[in-house]
């Protein structure tokens, strides 16, 4: 479900626009052509989708466990911890 344009919105700090895009995507995924009424996602569904985006964005930035071990080996544990904090500040947990 993760699309590059939504990820780019988050990266650019456009969280409100990204939330709208998530809502639109949920509507699109859950509305059939035969349906006369448009699907309206619940707040819980939107929050679940945001949590999915949040987790995927962080995982993508952290890299694989092997690449993290390599980073620690090359730059040291303190540098890795600083990098982790930077990633966490870029992608704070949704409330």
PDB file of N, CA and C in Angstrom:
ATOM      1  N   UNK A   1       0.810  -1.192   0.000  1.00  0.00           N
ATOM      2  CA  UNK A   1       0.000   0.000   0.000  1.00  0.00           C
ATOM      3  C   UNK A   1       0.860   1.266   0.000  1.00  0.00           C
ATOM      4  N   UNK A   2       2.122   1.119   0.219  1.00  0.00           N
ATOM      5  CA  UNK A   2       2.966   2.315   0.301  1.00  0.00           C
ATOM      6  C   UNK A   2       3.282   2.816  -1.099  1.00  0.00           C
ATOM      7  N   UNK A   3       2.916   4.063  -1.357  1.00  0.00           N
ATOM      8  CA  UNK A   3       3.193   4.682  -2.643  1.00  0.00           C
ATOM      9  C   UNK A   3       4.221   5.781  -2.452  1.00  0.00           C
ATOM     10  N   UNK A   4       5.035   5.950  -3.443  1.00  0.00           N
ATOM     11  CA  UNK A   4       6.136   6.904  -3.358  1.00  0.00           C
ATOM     12  C   UNK A   4       5.671   8.333  -3.117  1.00  0.00           C
ATOM     13  N   UNK A   5       4.544   8.730  -3.699  1.00  0.00           N
ATOM     14  CA  UNK A   5       4.120  10.127  -3.521  1.00  0.00           C
ATOM     15  C   UNK A   5       3.728  10.397  -2.072  1.00  0.00           C
ATOM     16  N   UNK A   6       3.143   9.428  -1.390  1.00  0.00           N
ATOM     17  CA  UNK A   6       2.790   9.622   0.019  1.00  0.00           C
ATOM     18  C   UNK A   6       4.063   9.659   0.857  1.00  0.00           C
ATOM     19  N   UNK A   7       4.991   8.748   0.567  1.00  0.00           N
ATOM     20  CA  UNK A   7       6.259   8.739   1.292  1.00  0.00           C
ATOM     21  C   UNK A   7       6.988  10.070   1.105  1.00  0.00           C
ATOM     22  N   UNK A   8       6.963  10.608  -0.106  1.00  0.00           N
ATOM     23  CA  UNK A   8       7.621  11.887  -0.376  1.00  0.00           C
ATOM     24  C   UNK A   8       6.972  13.017   0.427  1.00  0.00           C
ATOM     25  N   UNK A   9       5.648  12.972   0.572  1.00  0.00           N
ATOM     26  CA  UNK A   9       4.956  13.985   1.376  1.00  0.00           C
ATOM     27  C   UNK A   9       5.448  13.948   2.819  1.00  0.00           C
ATOM     28  N   UNK A  10       5.563  12.743   3.367  1.00  0.00           N
ATOM     29  CA  UNK A  10       6.056  12.620   4.732  1.00  0.00           C
ATOM     30  C   UNK A  10       7.492  13.130   4.840  1.00  0.00           C
ATOM     31  N   UNK A  11       8.313  12.777   3.864  1.00  0.00           N
ATOM     32  CA  UNK A  11       9.717  13.210   3.885  1.00  0.00           C
ATOM     33  C   UNK A  11       9.826  14.725   3.836  1.00  0.00           C
ATOM     34  N   UNK A  12       8.885  15.369   3.150  1.00  0.00           N
ATOM     35  CA  UNK A  12       8.897  16.825   3.035  1.00  0.00           C
ATOM     36  C   UNK A  12       8.128  17.507   4.160  1.00  0.00           C
ATOM     37  N   UNK A  13       7.695  16.733   5.149  1.00  0.00           N
ATOM     38  CA  UNK A  13       6.999  17.312   6.283  1.00  0.00           C
ATOM     39  C   UNK A  13       5.555  17.688   6.004  1.00  0.00           C
ATOM     40  N   UNK A  14       4.981  17.135   4.966  1.00  0.00           N
ATOM     41  CA  UNK A  14       3.602  17.449   4.597  1.00  0.00           C
ATOM     42  C   UNK A  14       2.660  16.405   5.183  1.00  0.00           C
ATOM     43  N   UNK A  15       2.685  16.242   6.501  1.00  0.00           N
ATOM     44  CA  UNK A  15       1.915  15.190   7.147  1.00  0.00           C
ATOM     45  C   UNK A  15       0.421  15.324   6.916  1.00  0.00           C
ATOM     46  N   UNK A  16      -0.110  16.537   6.910  1.00  0.00           N
ATOM     47  CA  UNK A  16      -1.547  16.735   6.708  1.00  0.00           C
ATOM     48  C   UNK A  16      -1.938  16.269   5.313  1.00  0.00           C
ATOM     49  N   UNK A  17      -1.147  16.645   4.311  1.00  0.00           N
ATOM     50  CA  UNK A  17      -1.422  16.209   2.946  1.00  0.00           C
ATOM     51  C   UNK A  17      -1.283  14.696   2.813  1.00  0.00           C
ATOM     52  N   UNK A  18      -0.292  14.125   3.495  1.00  0.00           N
ATOM     53  CA  UNK A  18      -0.096  12.683   3.436  1.00  0.00           C
ATOM     54  C   UNK A  18      -1.283  11.971   4.083  1.00  0.00           C
ATOM     55  N   UNK A  19      -1.796  12.526   5.185  1.00  0.00           N
ATOM     56  CA  UNK A  19      -2.974  11.931   5.835  1.00  0.00           C
ATOM     57  C   UNK A  19      -4.173  11.959   4.881  1.00  0.00           C
ATOM     58  N   UNK A  20      -4.341  13.049   4.151  1.00  0.00           N
ATOM     59  CA  UNK A  20      -5.415  13.136   3.154  1.00  0.00           C
ATOM     60  C   UNK A  20      -5.212  12.086   2.059  1.00  0.00           C
ATOM     61  N   UNK A  21      -3.968  11.926   1.640  1.00  0.00           N
ATOM     62  CA  UNK A  21      -3.668  10.945   0.589  1.00  0.00           C
ATOM     63  C   UNK A  21      -3.942   9.520   1.078  1.00  0.00           C
ATOM     64  N   UNK A  22      -3.628   9.242   2.326  1.00  0.00           N
ATOM     65  CA  UNK A  22      -3.916   7.926   2.900  1.00  0.00           C
ATOM     66  C   UNK A  22      -5.427   7.692   2.897  1.00  0.00           C
ATOM     67  N   UNK A  23      -6.188   8.693   3.338  1.00  0.00           N
ATOM     68  CA  UNK A  23      -7.649   8.591   3.361  1.00  0.00           C
ATOM     69  C   UNK A  23      -8.177   8.327   1.952  1.00  0.00           C
ATOM     70  N   UNK A  24      -7.677   9.068   0.972  1.00  0.00           N
ATOM     71  CA  UNK A  24      -8.121   8.886  -0.416  1.00  0.00           C
ATOM     72  C   UNK A  24      -7.800   7.490  -0.921  1.00  0.00           C
ATOM     73  N   UNK A  25      -6.625   7.002  -0.558  1.00  0.00           N
ATOM     74  CA  UNK A  25      -6.235   5.664  -0.999  1.00  0.00           C
ATOM     75  C   UNK A  25      -7.123   4.598  -0.367  1.00  0.00           C
ATOM     76  N   UNK A  26      -7.450   4.765   0.910  1.00  0.00           N
ATOM     77  CA  UNK A  26      -8.351   3.819   1.571  1.00  0.00           C
ATOM     78  C   UNK A  26      -9.727   3.828   0.900  1.00  0.00           C
ATOM     79  N   UNK A  27     -10.215   5.010   0.536  1.00  0.00           N
ATOM     80  CA  UNK A  27     -11.505   5.115  -0.161  1.00  0.00           C
ATOM     81  C   UNK A  27     -11.432   4.383  -1.498  1.00  0.00           C
ATOM     82  N   UNK A  28     -10.356   4.644  -2.247  1.00  0.00           N
ATOM     83  CA  UNK A  28     -10.189   4.012  -3.555  1.00  0.00           C
ATOM     84  C   UNK A  28     -10.145   2.489  -3.440  1.00  0.00           C
ATOM     85  N   UNK A  29      -9.398   1.993  -2.461  1.00  0.00           N
ATOM     86  CA  UNK A  29      -9.245   0.545  -2.302  1.00  0.00           C
ATOM     87  C   UNK A  29     -10.536  -0.135  -1.857  1.00  0.00           C
ATOM     88  N   UNK A  30     -11.419   0.594  -1.208  1.00  0.00           N
ATOM     89  CA  UNK A  30     -12.614  -0.014  -0.628  1.00  0.00           C
ATOM     90  C   UNK A  30     -13.921   0.380  -1.309  1.00  0.00           C
ATOM     91  N   UNK A  31     -13.845   1.061  -2.445  1.00  0.00           N
ATOM     92  CA  UNK A  31     -15.050   1.440  -3.174  1.00  0.00           C
ATOM     93  C   UNK A  31     -15.055   0.684  -4.495  1.00  0.00           C
ATOM     94  N   UNK A  32     -16.116  -0.066  -4.713  1.00  0.00           N
ATOM     95  CA  UNK A  32     -16.221  -0.803  -5.969  1.00  0.00           C
ATOM     96  C   UNK A  32     -16.945   0.053  -7.004  1.00  0.00           C
ATOM     97  N   UNK A  33     -16.767  -0.307  -8.255  1.00  0.00           N
ATOM     98  CA  UNK A  33     -17.424   0.433  -9.338  1.00  0.00           C
ATOM     99  C   UNK A  33     -18.935   0.277  -9.265  1.00  0.00           C
ATOM    100  N   UNK A  34     -19.403  -0.836  -8.691  1.00  0.00           N
ATOM    101  CA  UNK A  34     -20.840  -1.102  -8.600  1.00  0.00           C
ATOM    102  C   UNK A  34     -21.497  -0.353  -7.451  1.00  0.00           C
ATOM    103  N   UNK A  35     -20.689   0.152  -6.538  1.00  0.00           N
ATOM    104  CA  UNK A  35     -21.224   0.806  -5.353  1.00  0.00           C
ATOM    105  C   UNK A  35     -21.682   2.223  -5.673  1.00  0.00           C
ATOM    106  N   UNK A  36     -22.858   2.571  -5.165  1.00  0.00           N
ATOM    107  CA  UNK A  36     -23.351   3.936  -5.361  1.00  0.00           C
ATOM    108  C   UNK A  36     -22.817   4.879  -4.292  1.00  0.00           C
ATOM    109  N   UNK A  37     -22.577   4.343  -3.107  1.00  0.00           N
ATOM    110  CA  UNK A  37     -22.094   5.162  -1.991  1.00  0.00           C
ATOM    111  C   UNK A  37     -20.580   5.075  -1.902  1.00  0.00           C
ATOM    112  N   UNK A  38     -19.975   6.190  -1.583  1.00  0.00           N
ATOM    113  CA  UNK A  38     -18.523   6.207  -1.418  1.00  0.00           C
ATOM    114  C   UNK A  38     -18.179   5.718  -0.009  1.00  0.00           C
ATOM    115  N   UNK A  39     -17.193   4.880   0.062  1.00  0.00           N
ATOM    116  CA  UNK A  39     -16.712   4.352   1.334  1.00  0.00           C
ATOM    117  C   UNK A  39     -16.054   5.470   2.134  1.00  0.00           C
ATOM    118  N   UNK A  40     -16.302   5.517   3.422  1.00  0.00           N
ATOM    119  CA  UNK A  40     -15.655   6.507   4.296  1.00  0.00           C
ATOM    120  C   UNK A  40     -14.863   5.759   5.370  1.00  0.00           C
ATOM    121  N   UNK A  41     -13.526   5.856   5.320  1.00  0.00           N
ATOM    122  CA  UNK A  41     -12.721   5.126   6.309  1.00  0.00           C
ATOM    123  C   UNK A  41     -12.911   5.700   7.715  1.00  0.00           C
ATOM    124  N   UNK A  42     -12.810   4.816   8.687  1.00  0.00           N
ATOM    125  CA  UNK A  42     -12.913   5.247  10.081  1.00  0.00           C
ATOM    126  C   UNK A  42     -11.577   5.842  10.524  1.00  0.00           C
ATOM    127  N   UNK A  43     -11.604   6.558  11.617  1.00  0.00           N
ATOM    128  CA  UNK A  43     -10.371   7.123  12.173  1.00  0.00           C
ATOM    129  C   UNK A  43      -9.388   6.004  12.519  1.00  0.00           C
ATOM    130  N   UNK A  44      -9.911   4.890  12.998  1.00  0.00           N
ATOM    131  CA  UNK A  44      -9.049   3.753  13.345  1.00  0.00           C
ATOM    132  C   UNK A  44      -8.340   3.192  12.109  1.00  0.00           C
ATOM    133  N   UNK A  45      -9.060   3.120  10.990  1.00  0.00           N
ATOM    134  CA  UNK A  45      -8.449   2.626   9.747  1.00  0.00           C
ATOM    135  C   UNK A  45      -7.362   3.584   9.258  1.00  0.00           C
ATOM    136  N   UNK A  46      -7.626   4.875   9.363  1.00  0.00           N
ATOM    137  CA  UNK A  46      -6.628   5.867   8.944  1.00  0.00           C
ATOM    138  C   UNK A  46      -5.396   5.769   9.845  1.00  0.00           C
ATOM    139  N   UNK A  47      -5.611   5.657  11.140  1.00  0.00           N
ATOM    140  CA  UNK A  47      -4.491   5.551  12.071  1.00  0.00           C
ATOM    141  C   UNK A  47      -3.689   4.273  11.829  1.00  0.00           C
ATOM    142  N   UNK A  48      -4.376   3.175  11.521  1.00  0.00           N
ATOM    143  CA  UNK A  48      -3.678   1.915  11.229  1.00  0.00           C
ATOM    144  C   UNK A  48      -2.822   2.055   9.974  1.00  0.00           C
ATOM    145  N   UNK A  49      -3.360   2.717   8.951  1.00  0.00           N
ATOM    146  CA  UNK A  49      -2.594   2.937   7.722  1.00  0.00           C
ATOM    147  C   UNK A  49      -1.399   3.853   7.990  1.00  0.00           C
ATOM    148  N   UNK A  50      -1.601   4.894   8.808  1.00  0.00           N
ATOM    149  CA  UNK A  50      -0.488   5.785   9.158  1.00  0.00           C
ATOM    150  C   UNK A  50       0.595   5.023   9.909  1.00  0.00           C
ATOM    151  N   UNK A  51       0.195   4.122  10.799  1.00  0.00           N
ATOM    152  CA  UNK A  51       1.172   3.327  11.545  1.00  0.00           C
ATOM    153  C   UNK A  51       1.966   2.434  10.602  1.00  0.00           C
ATOM    154  N   UNK A  52       1.294   1.911   9.580  1.00  0.00           N
ATOM    155  CA  UNK A  52       1.975   1.087   8.581  1.00  0.00           C
ATOM    156  C   UNK A  52       3.018   1.915   7.819  1.00  0.00           C
ATOM    157  N   UNK A  53       2.621   3.125   7.415  1.00  0.00           N
ATOM    158  CA  UNK A  53       3.555   4.010   6.724  1.00  0.00           C
ATOM    159  C   UNK A  53       4.726   4.376   7.625  1.00  0.00           C
ATOM    160  N   UNK A  54       4.429   4.704   8.866  1.00  0.00           N
ATOM    161  CA  UNK A  54       5.462   5.074   9.830  1.00  0.00           C
ATOM    162  C   UNK A  54       6.489   3.955   9.956  1.00  0.00           C
ATOM    163  N   UNK A  55       6.012   2.742  10.166  1.00  0.00           N
ATOM    164  CA  UNK A  55       6.915   1.606  10.352  1.00  0.00           C
ATOM    165  C   UNK A  55       7.745   1.347   9.093  1.00  0.00           C
ATOM    166  N   UNK A  56       7.104   1.389   7.950  1.00  0.00           N
ATOM    167  CA  UNK A  56       7.817   1.123   6.705  1.00  0.00           C
ATOM    168  C   UNK A  56       8.871   2.189   6.419  1.00  0.00           C
ATOM    169  N   UNK A  57       8.542   3.445   6.721  1.00  0.00           N
ATOM    170  CA  UNK A  57       9.513   4.524   6.479  1.00  0.00           C
ATOM    171  C   UNK A  57      10.741   4.348   7.356  1.00  0.00           C
ATOM    172  N   UNK A  58      10.545   4.024   8.619  1.00  0.00           N
ATOM    173  CA  UNK A  58      11.687   3.829   9.510  1.00  0.00           C
ATOM    174  C   UNK A  58      12.518   2.628   9.080  1.00  0.00           C
ATOM    175  N   UNK A  59      11.866   1.512   8.799  1.00  0.00           N
ATOM    176  CA  UNK A  59      12.583   0.304   8.400  1.00  0.00           C
ATOM    177  C   UNK A  59      13.416   0.575   7.152  1.00  0.00           C
ATOM    178  N   UNK A  60      12.840   1.291   6.212  1.00  0.00           N
ATOM    179  CA  UNK A  60      13.556   1.628   4.980  1.00  0.00           C
ATOM    180  C   UNK A  60      14.808   2.439   5.290  1.00  0.00           C
ATOM    181  N   UNK A  61      14.714   3.398   6.182  1.00  0.00           N
ATOM    182  CA  UNK A  61      15.850   4.245   6.530  1.00  0.00           C
ATOM    183  C   UNK A  61      16.903   3.516   7.358  1.00  0.00           C
ATOM    184  N   UNK A  62      16.457   2.620   8.260  1.00  0.00           N
ATOM    185  CA  UNK A  62      17.425   1.882   9.079  1.00  0.00           C
ATOM    186  C   UNK A  62      18.272   0.955   8.225  1.00  0.00           C
ATOM    187  N   UNK A  63      17.659   0.357   7.237  1.00  0.00           N
ATOM    188  CA  UNK A  63      18.366  -0.614   6.418  1.00  0.00           C
ATOM    189  C   UNK A  63      18.276  -1.996   7.035  1.00  0.00           C
ATOM    190  N   UNK A  64      18.863  -2.947   6.365  1.00  0.00           N
ATOM    191  CA  UNK A  64      18.831  -4.325   6.847  1.00  0.00           C
ATOM    192  C   UNK A  64      19.684  -4.455   8.108  1.00  0.00           C
ATOM    193  N   UNK A  65      19.434  -5.478   8.903  1.00  0.00           N
ATOM    194  CA  UNK A  65      20.293  -5.701  10.072  1.00  0.00           C
ATOM    195  C   UNK A  65      21.771  -5.814   9.687  1.00  0.00           C
ATOM    196  N   UNK A  66      22.042  -6.459   8.553  1.00  0.00           N
ATOM    197  CA  UNK A  66      23.441  -6.600   8.115  1.00  0.00           C
ATOM    198  C   UNK A  66      24.067  -5.242   7.809  1.00  0.00           C
ATOM    199  N   UNK A  67      23.295  -4.353   7.162  1.00  0.00           N
ATOM    200  CA  UNK A  67      23.856  -3.036   6.846  1.00  0.00           C
ATOM    201  C   UNK A  67      24.039  -2.195   8.113  1.00  0.00           C
ATOM    202  N   UNK A  68      23.176  -2.407   9.112  1.00  0.00           N
ATOM    203  CA  UNK A  68      23.340  -1.693  10.377  1.00  0.00           C
ATOM    204  C   UNK A  68      24.603  -2.159  11.109  1.00  0.00           C
ATOM    205  N   UNK A  69      24.841  -3.471  11.102  1.00  0.00           N
ATOM    206  CA  UNK A  69      26.062  -4.005  11.735  1.00  0.00           C
ATOM    207  C   UNK A  69      27.297  -3.474  10.997  1.00  0.00           C
ATOM    208  N   UNK A  70      27.207  -3.430   9.691  1.00  0.00           N
ATOM    209  CA  UNK A  70      28.331  -2.895   8.896  1.00  0.00           C
ATOM    210  C   UNK A  70      28.579  -1.427   9.252  1.00  0.00           C
ATOM    211  N   UNK A  71      27.505  -0.651   9.391  1.00  0.00           N
ATOM    212  CA  UNK A  71      27.635   0.771   9.747  1.00  0.00           C
ATOM    213  C   UNK A  71      28.306   0.907  11.119  1.00  0.00           C
ATOM    214  N   UNK A  72      27.878   0.094  12.068  1.00  0.00           N
ATOM    215  CA  UNK A  72      28.467   0.136  13.413  1.00  0.00           C
ATOM    216  C   UNK A  72      29.945  -0.221  13.349  1.00  0.00           C
ATOM    217  N   UNK A  73      30.268  -1.234  12.560  1.00  0.00           N
ATOM    218  CA  UNK A  73      31.663  -1.676  12.426  1.00  0.00           C
ATOM    219  C   UNK A  73      32.529  -0.573  11.824  1.00  0.00           C
ATOM    220  N   UNK A  74      32.005   0.115  10.832  1.00  0.00           N
ATOM    221  CA  UNK A  74      32.784   1.143  10.139  1.00  0.00           C
ATOM    222  C   UNK A  74      32.815   2.477  10.872  1.00  0.00           C
ATOM    223  N   UNK A  75      31.713   2.853  11.556  1.00  0.00           N
ATOM    224  CA  UNK A  75      31.601   4.189  12.139  1.00  0.00           C
ATOM    225  C   UNK A  75      31.521   4.217  13.663  1.00  0.00           C
ATOM    226  N   UNK A  76      31.290   3.060  14.257  1.00  0.00           N
ATOM    227  CA  UNK A  76      31.195   2.994  15.712  1.00  0.00           C
ATOM    228  C   UNK A  76      29.756   3.054  16.208  1.00  0.00           C
ATOM    229  N   UNK A  77      29.572   2.573  17.420  1.00  0.00           N
ATOM    230  CA  UNK A  77      28.234   2.494  18.013  1.00  0.00           C
ATOM    231  C   UNK A  77      27.631   3.876  18.258  1.00  0.00           C
ATOM    232  N   UNK A  78      28.439   4.831  18.695  1.00  0.00           N
ATOM    233  CA  UNK A  78      27.915   6.172  18.953  1.00  0.00           C
ATOM    234  C   UNK A  78      27.365   6.815  17.679  1.00  0.00           C
ATOM    235  N   UNK A  79      28.063   6.644  16.565  1.00  0.00           N
ATOM    236  CA  UNK A  79      27.595   7.202  15.289  1.00  0.00           C
ATOM    237  C   UNK A  79      26.292   6.537  14.862  1.00  0.00           C
ATOM    238  N   UNK A  80      26.190   5.231  15.078  1.00  0.00           N
ATOM    239  CA  UNK A  80      24.963   4.525  14.725  1.00  0.00           C
ATOM    240  C   UNK A  80      23.794   5.007  15.582  1.00  0.00           C
ATOM    241  N   UNK A  81      24.036   5.173  16.885  1.00  0.00           N
ATOM    242  CA  UNK A  81      22.976   5.656  17.771  1.00  0.00           C
ATOM    243  C   UNK A  81      22.527   7.060  17.371  1.00  0.00           C
ATOM    244  N   UNK A  82      23.461   7.884  16.961  1.00  0.00           N
ATOM    245  CA  UNK A  82      23.110   9.229  16.492  1.00  0.00           C
ATOM    246  C   UNK A  82      22.259   9.129  15.222  1.00  0.00           C
ATOM    247  N   UNK A  83      22.636   8.228  14.337  1.00  0.00           N
ATOM    248  CA  UNK A  83      21.868   8.020  13.108  1.00  0.00           C
ATOM    249  C   UNK A  83      20.446   7.554  13.424  1.00  0.00           C
ATOM    250  N   UNK A  84      20.312   6.656  14.377  1.00  0.00           N
ATOM    251  CA  UNK A  84      18.993   6.167  14.783  1.00  0.00           C
ATOM    252  C   UNK A  84      18.147   7.318  15.317  1.00  0.00           C
ATOM    253  N   UNK A  85      18.729   8.167  16.128  1.00  0.00           N
ATOM    254  CA  UNK A  85      17.993   9.320  16.667  1.00  0.00           C
ATOM    255  C   UNK A  85      17.548  10.270  15.551  1.00  0.00           C
ATOM    256  N   UNK A  86      18.402  10.455  14.535  1.00  0.00           N
ATOM    257  CA  UNK A  86      18.030  11.300  13.398  1.00  0.00           C
ATOM    258  C   UNK A  86      16.832  10.710  12.649  1.00  0.00           C
ATOM    259  N   UNK A  87      16.851   9.400  12.458  1.00  0.00           N
ATOM    260  CA  UNK A  87      15.743   8.732  11.772  1.00  0.00           C
ATOM    261  C   UNK A  87      14.468   8.860  12.599  1.00  0.00           C
ATOM    262  N   UNK A  88      14.587   8.675  13.905  1.00  0.00           N
ATOM    263  CA  UNK A  88      13.418   8.799  14.775  1.00  0.00           C
ATOM    264  C   UNK A  88      12.858  10.217  14.756  1.00  0.00           C
ATOM    265  N   UNK A  89      13.734  11.210  14.661  1.00  0.00           N
ATOM    266  CA  UNK A  89      13.234  12.589  14.612  1.00  0.00           C
ATOM    267  C   UNK A  89      12.594  12.899  13.259  1.00  0.00           C
ATOM    268  N   UNK A  90      13.082  12.281  12.188  1.00  0.00           N
ATOM    269  CA  UNK A  90      12.466  12.455  10.871  1.00  0.00           C
ATOM    270  C   UNK A  90      11.084  11.819  10.810  1.00  0.00           C
ATOM    271  N   UNK A  91      10.951  10.677  11.470  1.00  0.00           N
ATOM    272  CA  UNK A  91       9.721   9.901  11.416  1.00  0.00           C
ATOM    273  C   UNK A  91       9.231   9.609  12.838  1.00  0.00           C
ATOM    274  N   UNK A  92       8.674  10.606  13.520  1.00  0.00           N
ATOM    275  CA  UNK A  92       8.188  10.376  14.876  1.00  0.00           C
ATOM    276  C   UNK A  92       6.991   9.437  14.878  1.00  0.00           C
ATOM    277  N   UNK A  93       6.824   8.724  15.988  1.00  0.00           N
ATOM    278  CA  UNK A  93       5.694   7.796  16.104  1.00  0.00           C
ATOM    279  C   UNK A  93       4.395   8.589  16.014  1.00  0.00           C
ATOM    280  N   UNK A  94       3.429   8.037  15.269  1.00  0.00           N
ATOM    281  CA  UNK A  94       2.127   8.707  15.212  1.00  0.00           C
ATOM    282  C   UNK A  94       1.447   8.623  16.583  1.00  0.00           C
ATOM    283  N   UNK A  95       0.676   9.637  16.892  1.00  0.00           N
ATOM    284  CA  UNK A  95       0.000   9.666  18.206  1.00  0.00           C
ATOM    285  C   UNK A  95      -1.309   8.943  18.178  1.00  0.00           C
TER     286      UNK A  95
END
